[in-house]
Amino acid sequence: MELTAPARRFTGGRDADGMAVASFVLGLVGLLVMNIVLGPVAVVLAALALWRGTARRGRALLGLALGIADLVVLATLVVGNGVVVWSPVG
């Protein structure tokens, strides 16, 4: 009787697809709240998903664009207000 390790399933593609979707969602939410955190995370996740060869390439590219837009909104707010903290109330 021979003991062998259980077979591993390759989940790299599924992980990359999840990263693409996560980057899209985080980039979208980052336009409204916490863009200082969510923008860079969206950019990194999108880049990793594209590097790993995701099947959801369009979603990853959109997440990358939204993450960059988050950073542009942040830069605009910093230049306009002079501070990183902002409030929709005024």
Protein backbone atom coordinates (compact mmCIF):
# COMPACT_ATOMS: atom_id res chain seq x y z
CA MET A 1 0.00 0.00 0.00
CA GLU A 2 1.46 3.31 -1.09
CA LEU A 3 0.62 6.60 0.62
CA THR A 4 0.48 9.65 -1.59
CA ALA A 5 -0.46 13.24 -1.00
CA PRO A 6 -3.94 14.30 -2.14
CA ALA A 7 -4.10 15.88 -5.55
CA ARG A 8 -4.12 19.66 -5.56
CA ARG A 9 -6.48 21.60 -7.74
CA PHE A 10 -5.13 24.53 -9.70
CA THR A 11 -7.05 27.60 -8.59
CA GLY A 12 -4.79 30.27 -10.11
CA GLY A 13 -7.30 31.23 -12.80
CA ARG A 14 -10.18 31.39 -10.37
CA ASP A 15 -8.08 33.48 -7.97
CA ALA A 16 -7.18 35.88 -10.76
CA ASP A 17 -10.84 36.20 -11.75
CA GLY A 18 -11.73 36.97 -8.13
CA MET A 19 -9.02 39.61 -7.99
CA ALA A 20 -10.38 41.22 -11.16
CA VAL A 21 -13.90 41.43 -9.71
CA ALA A 22 -12.58 42.66 -6.36
CA SER A 23 -10.54 45.40 -8.03
CA PHE A 24 -13.63 46.56 -9.93
CA VAL A 25 -15.80 46.65 -6.81
CA LEU A 26 -13.16 48.33 -4.65
CA GLY A 27 -12.43 50.90 -7.34
CA LEU A 28 -16.12 51.69 -7.68
CA VAL A 29 -16.69 52.01 -3.94
CA GLY A 30 -13.46 54.00 -3.62
CA LEU A 31 -14.93 56.78 -5.72
CA LEU A 32 -17.34 57.47 -2.86
CA VAL A 33 -15.48 56.57 0.34
CA MET A 34 -11.95 55.82 1.53
CA ASN A 35 -10.30 56.45 -1.83
CA ILE A 36 -6.92 56.82 -0.10
CA VAL A 37 -7.05 53.10 0.78
CA LEU A 38 -9.33 51.53 -1.81
CA GLY A 39 -7.75 53.19 -4.85
CA PRO A 40 -4.27 51.71 -4.43
CA VAL A 41 -5.72 48.32 -3.43
CA ALA A 42 -7.85 48.28 -6.59
CA VAL A 43 -4.82 49.13 -8.73
CA VAL A 44 -2.69 46.39 -7.17
CA LEU A 45 -5.43 43.75 -7.45
CA ALA A 46 -6.10 44.65 -11.08
CA ALA A 47 -2.40 44.48 -11.93
CA LEU A 48 -2.07 41.09 -10.24
CA ALA A 49 -5.16 39.76 -12.01
CA LEU A 50 -3.83 40.90 -15.38
CA TRP A 51 -0.38 39.47 -14.62
CA ARG A 52 -1.90 36.10 -13.70
CA GLY A 53 -3.92 36.02 -16.92
CA THR A 54 -7.50 36.43 -15.75
CA ALA A 55 -10.38 35.48 -17.99
CA ARG A 56 -12.12 38.67 -16.85
CA ARG A 57 -9.63 41.00 -18.51
CA GLY A 58 -12.19 43.74 -19.14
CA ARG A 59 -13.25 43.79 -15.51
CA ALA A 60 -9.62 43.97 -14.39
CA LEU A 61 -8.94 46.86 -16.77
CA LEU A 62 -12.03 48.65 -15.50
CA GLY A 63 -10.88 48.07 -11.91
CA LEU A 64 -7.48 49.50 -12.84
CA ALA A 65 -9.11 52.58 -14.40
CA LEU A 66 -11.39 53.08 -11.39
CA GLY A 67 -8.47 52.70 -8.98
CA ILE A 68 -6.54 55.35 -10.88
CA ALA A 69 -9.67 57.54 -10.89
CA ASP A 70 -9.82 57.14 -7.09
CA LEU A 71 -6.29 58.50 -6.85
CA VAL A 72 -7.11 61.38 -9.21
CA VAL A 73 -10.14 62.30 -7.08
CA LEU A 74 -7.94 62.15 -3.98
CA ALA A 75 -5.31 64.38 -5.58
CA THR A 76 -7.99 66.85 -6.67
CA LEU A 77 -9.41 67.02 -3.16
CA VAL A 78 -5.97 67.49 -1.62
CA VAL A 79 -5.11 70.31 -4.03
CA GLY A 80 -8.53 71.94 -3.65
CA ASN A 81 -8.87 71.68 0.12
CA GLY A 82 -5.24 71.39 1.17
CA VAL A 83 -5.98 68.36 3.35
CA VAL A 84 -6.45 64.62 2.84
CA VAL A 85 -9.61 64.46 4.96
CA TRP A 86 -12.80 65.52 3.26
CA SER A 87 -16.47 65.49 4.09
CA PRO A 88 -19.51 65.73 1.83
CA VAL A 89 -21.15 67.98 4.44
CA GLY A 90 -18.66 70.78 3.88
